[in-house]
Amino acid sequence: MEIAHRRFNRVDLLSVTGRVDATTAPQLKQALDDLFAEGRHRIVLDLAELDYISSPGLRVLIEARKRARDWNVTDLQGGDIRIAHLPPRIKEVFDLTGFTALFEMYSDTVDAVGSF
Protein backbone atom coordinates (compact mmCIF):
# COMPACT_ATOMS: atom_id res chain seq x y z
CA MET A 1 0.00 0.00 0.00
CA GLU A 2 1.08 3.53 -0.76
CA ILE A 3 -0.35 6.77 0.59
CA ALA A 4 0.13 10.11 -1.14
CA HIS A 5 -0.74 13.24 0.81
CA ARG A 6 -1.78 16.65 -0.51
CA ARG A 7 -2.51 19.46 1.89
CA PHE A 8 -4.98 22.15 0.98
CA ASN A 9 -5.90 25.20 3.02
CA ARG A 10 -8.68 23.52 5.00
CA VAL A 11 -8.59 19.90 3.81
CA ASP A 12 -6.11 17.04 3.50
CA LEU A 13 -6.32 14.59 0.60
CA LEU A 14 -4.92 11.09 1.09
CA SER A 15 -4.70 8.94 -2.04
CA VAL A 16 -4.52 5.28 -1.06
CA THR A 17 -3.09 2.80 -3.58
CA GLY A 18 -2.95 -0.98 -3.37
CA ARG A 19 -4.27 -3.15 -0.54
CA VAL A 20 -5.38 -2.21 2.95
CA ASP A 21 -5.23 -5.40 4.99
CA ALA A 22 -4.02 -6.53 8.41
CA THR A 23 -0.43 -5.80 7.42
CA THR A 24 -0.95 -2.33 5.93
CA ALA A 25 -3.90 -0.99 7.97
CA PRO A 26 -1.55 0.28 10.73
CA GLN A 27 0.24 2.42 8.12
CA LEU A 28 -3.08 4.03 7.11
CA LYS A 29 -4.01 4.50 10.76
CA GLN A 30 -0.67 6.20 11.42
CA ALA A 31 -1.14 8.58 8.46
CA LEU A 32 -4.57 9.56 9.80
CA ASP A 33 -3.32 9.83 13.40
CA ASP A 34 -0.54 12.16 12.22
CA LEU A 35 -3.12 14.46 10.63
CA PHE A 36 -5.30 14.44 13.75
CA ALA A 37 -2.25 15.26 15.89
CA GLU A 38 -1.71 18.35 13.73
CA GLY A 39 -5.32 19.43 14.29
CA ARG A 40 -6.31 18.43 10.76
CA HIS A 41 -9.78 16.84 10.85
CA ARG A 42 -11.15 17.43 7.35
CA ILE A 43 -9.89 14.54 5.28
CA VAL A 44 -10.74 13.20 1.84
CA LEU A 45 -9.66 9.67 1.01
CA ASP A 46 -9.15 9.13 -2.72
CA LEU A 47 -9.63 5.40 -3.17
CA ALA A 48 -9.46 5.28 -6.99
CA GLU A 49 -6.41 2.99 -6.89
CA LEU A 50 -7.50 0.86 -3.92
CA ASP A 51 -7.51 -2.81 -4.92
CA TYR A 52 -8.63 -4.44 -1.68
CA ILE A 53 -9.75 -3.59 1.85
CA SER A 54 -10.15 -6.07 4.69
CA SER A 55 -11.87 -5.72 8.05
CA PRO A 56 -8.80 -4.16 9.75
CA GLY A 57 -8.80 -1.49 7.02
CA LEU A 58 -12.52 -0.88 7.48
CA ARG A 59 -11.93 -0.56 11.23
CA VAL A 60 -9.32 2.14 10.60
CA LEU A 61 -11.83 4.07 8.45
CA ILE A 62 -14.64 3.90 11.00
CA GLU A 63 -12.36 4.89 13.87
CA ALA A 64 -11.00 7.82 11.85
CA ARG A 65 -14.54 8.94 11.00
CA LYS A 66 -15.44 8.91 14.69
CA ARG A 67 -12.33 10.89 15.66
CA ALA A 68 -12.88 13.45 12.91
CA ARG A 69 -16.53 13.92 13.81
CA ASP A 70 -15.83 14.08 17.55
CA TRP A 71 -13.81 17.18 16.76
CA ASN A 72 -17.12 18.84 15.78
CA VAL A 73 -18.08 18.95 19.43
CA THR A 74 -15.48 21.58 20.23
CA ASP A 75 -15.03 23.28 16.86
CA LEU A 76 -17.87 24.76 14.85
CA GLN A 77 -16.03 24.32 11.55
CA GLY A 78 -16.46 20.55 11.70
CA GLY A 79 -14.38 17.55 10.81
CA ASP A 80 -15.22 14.50 8.75
CA ILE A 81 -13.82 11.80 6.49
CA ARG A 82 -15.12 11.91 2.91
CA ILE A 83 -14.53 9.29 0.21
CA ALA A 84 -13.72 10.02 -3.45
CA HIS A 85 -13.47 7.64 -6.41
CA LEU A 86 -14.75 4.50 -4.71
CA PRO A 87 -14.00 1.59 -7.09
CA PRO A 88 -16.95 -0.75 -7.84
CA ARG A 89 -15.33 -3.75 -6.12
CA ILE A 90 -14.68 -1.71 -2.97
CA LYS A 91 -18.18 -0.21 -3.15
CA GLU A 92 -19.57 -3.74 -2.91
CA VAL A 93 -17.66 -4.19 0.35
CA PHE A 94 -18.94 -0.82 1.60
CA ASP A 95 -22.50 -1.79 0.65
CA LEU A 96 -22.27 -5.17 2.44
CA THR A 97 -20.85 -3.63 5.62
CA GLY A 98 -23.16 -0.59 5.71
CA PHE A 99 -20.26 1.83 5.18
CA THR A 100 -21.96 3.39 2.14
CA ALA A 101 -24.50 5.00 4.48
CA LEU A 102 -21.82 6.20 6.91
CA PHE A 103 -19.54 8.13 4.57
CA GLU A 104 -20.23 10.94 2.14
CA MET A 105 -19.12 9.66 -1.28
CA TYR A 106 -17.99 11.69 -4.26
CA SER A 107 -17.09 10.66 -7.78
CA ASP A 108 -14.39 13.30 -7.97
CA THR A 109 -11.77 14.65 -5.54
CA VAL A 110 -12.47 18.27 -6.45
CA ASP A 111 -16.09 17.89 -5.33
CA ALA A 112 -15.05 15.99 -2.20
CA VAL A 113 -12.50 18.63 -1.16
CA GLY A 114 -14.95 21.42 -2.02
CA SER A 115 -17.65 19.84 0.13
CA PHE A 116 -15.94 21.07 3.30
C-alpha atoms as a PDB file:
ATOM      1  CA  MET A   1       0.000   0.000   0.000  1.00  0.00           C
ATOM      2  CA  GLU A   2       1.084   3.529  -0.757  1.00  0.00           C
ATOM      3  CA  ILE A   3      -0.348   6.766   0.590  1.00  0.00           C
ATOM      4  CA  ALA A   4       0.134  10.106  -1.144  1.00  0.00           C
ATOM      5  CA  HIS A   5      -0.736  13.244   0.814  1.00  0.00           C
ATOM      6  CA  ARG A   6      -1.777  16.650  -0.512  1.00  0.00           C
ATOM      7  CA  ARG A   7      -2.510  19.461   1.887  1.00  0.00           C
ATOM      8  CA  PHE A   8      -4.981  22.155   0.977  1.00  0.00           C
ATOM      9  CA  ASN A   9      -5.899  25.204   3.023  1.00  0.00           C
ATOM     10  CA  ARG A  10      -8.683  23.517   5.004  1.00  0.00           C
ATOM     11  CA  VAL A  11      -8.585  19.902   3.808  1.00  0.00           C
ATOM     12  CA  ASP A  12      -6.106  17.038   3.504  1.00  0.00           C
ATOM     13  CA  LEU A  13      -6.316  14.586   0.604  1.00  0.00           C
ATOM     14  CA  LEU A  14      -4.919  11.091   1.087  1.00  0.00           C
ATOM     15  CA  SER A  15      -4.697   8.940  -2.036  1.00  0.00           C
ATOM     16  CA  VAL A  16      -4.519   5.281  -1.058  1.00  0.00           C
ATOM     17  CA  THR A  17      -3.089   2.797  -3.576  1.00  0.00           C
ATOM     18  CA  GLY A  18      -2.949  -0.984  -3.368  1.00  0.00           C
ATOM     19  CA  ARG A  19      -4.268  -3.153  -0.541  1.00  0.00           C
ATOM     20  CA  VAL A  20      -5.380  -2.207   2.954  1.00  0.00           C
ATOM     21  CA  ASP A  21      -5.234  -5.401   4.990  1.00  0.00           C
ATOM     22  CA  ALA A  22      -4.023  -6.530   8.413  1.00  0.00           C
ATOM     23  CA  THR A  23      -0.428  -5.798   7.417  1.00  0.00           C
ATOM     24  CA  THR A  24      -0.949  -2.326   5.929  1.00  0.00           C
ATOM     25  CA  ALA A  25      -3.896  -0.991   7.971  1.00  0.00           C
ATOM     26  CA  PRO A  26      -1.553   0.281  10.725  1.00  0.00           C
ATOM     27  CA  GLN A  27       0.235   2.415   8.120  1.00  0.00           C
ATOM     28  CA  LEU A  28      -3.076   4.029   7.108  1.00  0.00           C
ATOM     29  CA  LYS A  29      -4.012   4.499  10.757  1.00  0.00           C
ATOM     30  CA  GLN A  30      -0.675   6.205  11.421  1.00  0.00           C
ATOM     31  CA  ALA A  31      -1.138   8.582   8.463  1.00  0.00           C
ATOM     32  CA  LEU A  32      -4.571   9.562   9.799  1.00  0.00           C
ATOM     33  CA  ASP A  33      -3.322   9.831  13.400  1.00  0.00           C
ATOM     34  CA  ASP A  34      -0.537  12.159  12.224  1.00  0.00           C
ATOM     35  CA  LEU A  35      -3.118  14.463  10.632  1.00  0.00           C
ATOM     36  CA  PHE A  36      -5.301  14.440  13.749  1.00  0.00           C
ATOM     37  CA  ALA A  37      -2.246  15.256  15.894  1.00  0.00           C
ATOM     38  CA  GLU A  38      -1.711  18.352  13.733  1.00  0.00           C
ATOM     39  CA  GLY A  39      -5.321  19.432  14.289  1.00  0.00           C
ATOM     40  CA  ARG A  40      -6.308  18.428  10.758  1.00  0.00           C
ATOM     41  CA  HIS A  41      -9.775  16.835  10.852  1.00  0.00           C
ATOM     42  CA  ARG A  42     -11.148  17.432   7.348  1.00  0.00           C
ATOM     43  CA  ILE A  43      -9.891  14.537   5.276  1.00  0.00           C
ATOM     44  CA  VAL A  44     -10.735  13.197   1.838  1.00  0.00           C
ATOM     45  CA  LEU A  45      -9.665   9.667   1.008  1.00  0.00           C
ATOM     46  CA  ASP A  46      -9.148   9.133  -2.722  1.00  0.00           C
ATOM     47  CA  LEU A  47      -9.630   5.397  -3.167  1.00  0.00           C
ATOM     48  CA  ALA A  48      -9.464   5.279  -6.986  1.00  0.00           C
ATOM     49  CA  GLU A  49      -6.410   2.987  -6.885  1.00  0.00           C
ATOM     50  CA  LEU A  50      -7.495   0.861  -3.920  1.00  0.00           C
ATOM     51  CA  ASP A  51      -7.509  -2.808  -4.921  1.00  0.00           C
ATOM     52  CA  TYR A  52      -8.634  -4.439  -1.681  1.00  0.00           C
ATOM     53  CA  ILE A  53      -9.748  -3.588   1.845  1.00  0.00           C
ATOM     54  CA  SER A  54     -10.150  -6.071   4.695  1.00  0.00           C
ATOM     55  CA  SER A  55     -11.867  -5.718   8.048  1.00  0.00           C
ATOM     56  CA  PRO A  56      -8.803  -4.160   9.750  1.00  0.00           C
ATOM     57  CA  GLY A  57      -8.799  -1.495   7.022  1.00  0.00           C
ATOM     58  CA  LEU A  58     -12.516  -0.881   7.477  1.00  0.00           C
ATOM     59  CA  ARG A  59     -11.932  -0.564  11.225  1.00  0.00           C
ATOM     60  CA  VAL A  60      -9.322   2.143  10.597  1.00  0.00           C
ATOM     61  CA  LEU A  61     -11.831   4.070   8.451  1.00  0.00           C
ATOM     62  CA  ILE A  62     -14.643   3.896  10.998  1.00  0.00           C
ATOM     63  CA  GLU A  63     -12.359   4.887  13.870  1.00  0.00           C
ATOM     64  CA  ALA A  64     -11.001   7.818  11.846  1.00  0.00           C
ATOM     65  CA  ARG A  65     -14.542   8.935  11.000  1.00  0.00           C
ATOM     66  CA  LYS A  66     -15.441   8.907  14.693  1.00  0.00           C
ATOM     67  CA  ARG A  67     -12.335  10.894  15.657  1.00  0.00           C
ATOM     68  CA  ALA A  68     -12.876  13.448  12.915  1.00  0.00           C
ATOM     69  CA  ARG A  69     -16.530  13.923  13.806  1.00  0.00           C
ATOM     70  CA  ASP A  70     -15.833  14.085  17.553  1.00  0.00           C
ATOM     71  CA  TRP A  71     -13.808  17.181  16.764  1.00  0.00           C
ATOM     72  CA  ASN A  72     -17.116  18.841  15.776  1.00  0.00           C
ATOM     73  CA  VAL A  73     -18.081  18.950  19.430  1.00  0.00           C
ATOM     74  CA  THR A  74     -15.481  21.584  20.226  1.00  0.00           C
ATOM     75  CA  ASP A  75     -15.033  23.282  16.863  1.00  0.00           C
ATOM     76  CA  LEU A  76     -17.868  24.762  14.853  1.00  0.00           C
ATOM     77  CA  GLN A  77     -16.027  24.323  11.553  1.00  0.00           C
ATOM     78  CA  GLY A  78     -16.463  20.553  11.696  1.00  0.00           C
ATOM     79  CA  GLY A  79     -14.379  17.546  10.809  1.00  0.00           C
ATOM     80  CA  ASP A  80     -15.218  14.502   8.745  1.00  0.00           C
ATOM     81  CA  ILE A  81     -13.817  11.800   6.493  1.00  0.00           C
ATOM     82  CA  ARG A  82     -15.124  11.915   2.914  1.00  0.00           C
ATOM     83  CA  ILE A  83     -14.532   9.293   0.213  1.00  0.00           C
ATOM     84  CA  ALA A  84     -13.721  10.019  -3.453  1.00  0.00           C
ATOM     85  CA  HIS A  85     -13.467   7.638  -6.409  1.00  0.00           C
ATOM     86  CA  LEU A  86     -14.750   4.499  -4.709  1.00  0.00           C
ATOM     87  CA  PRO A  87     -14.001   1.585  -7.092  1.00  0.00           C
ATOM     88  CA  PRO A  88     -16.953  -0.753  -7.838  1.00  0.00           C
ATOM     89  CA  ARG A  89     -15.326  -3.746  -6.125  1.00  0.00           C
ATOM     90  CA  ILE A  90     -14.681  -1.708  -2.969  1.00  0.00           C
ATOM     91  CA  LYS A  91     -18.180  -0.205  -3.154  1.00  0.00           C
ATOM     92  CA  GLU A  92     -19.572  -3.742  -2.913  1.00  0.00           C
ATOM     93  CA  VAL A  93     -17.658  -4.186   0.355  1.00  0.00           C
ATOM     94  CA  PHE A  94     -18.939  -0.818   1.601  1.00  0.00           C
ATOM     95  CA  ASP A  95     -22.505  -1.795   0.655  1.00  0.00           C
ATOM     96  CA  LEU A  96     -22.268  -5.165   2.441  1.00  0.00           C
ATOM     97  CA  THR A  97     -20.855  -3.630   5.619  1.00  0.00           C
ATOM     98  CA  GLY A  98     -23.156  -0.591   5.708  1.00  0.00           C
ATOM     99  CA  PHE A  99     -20.265   1.830   5.184  1.00  0.00           C
ATOM    100  CA  THR A 100     -21.957   3.390   2.145  1.00  0.00           C
ATOM    101  CA  ALA A 101     -24.497   5.005   4.475  1.00  0.00           C
ATOM    102  CA  LEU A 102     -21.823   6.195   6.911  1.00  0.00           C
ATOM    103  CA  PHE A 103     -19.539   8.131   4.572  1.00  0.00           C
ATOM    104  CA  GLU A 104     -20.234  10.940   2.138  1.00  0.00           C
ATOM    105  CA  MET A 105     -19.125   9.659  -1.277  1.00  0.00           C
ATOM    106  CA  TYR A 106     -17.986  11.693  -4.258  1.00  0.00           C
ATOM    107  CA  SER A 107     -17.087  10.660  -7.780  1.00  0.00           C
ATOM    108  CA  ASP A 108     -14.386  13.298  -7.967  1.00  0.00           C
ATOM    109  CA  THR A 109     -11.767  14.647  -5.544  1.00  0.00           C
ATOM    110  CA  VAL A 110     -12.466  18.272  -6.445  1.00  0.00           C
ATOM    111  CA  ASP A 111     -16.094  17.886  -5.334  1.00  0.00           C
ATOM    112  CA  ALA A 112     -15.049  15.991  -2.202  1.00  0.00           C
ATOM    113  CA  VAL A 113     -12.498  18.634  -1.163  1.00  0.00           C
ATOM    114  CA  GLY A 114     -14.950  21.419  -2.021  1.00  0.00           C
ATOM    115  CA  SER A 115     -17.654  19.841   0.126  1.00  0.00           C
ATOM    116  CA  PHE A 116     -15.943  21.067   3.301  1.00  0.00           C
END
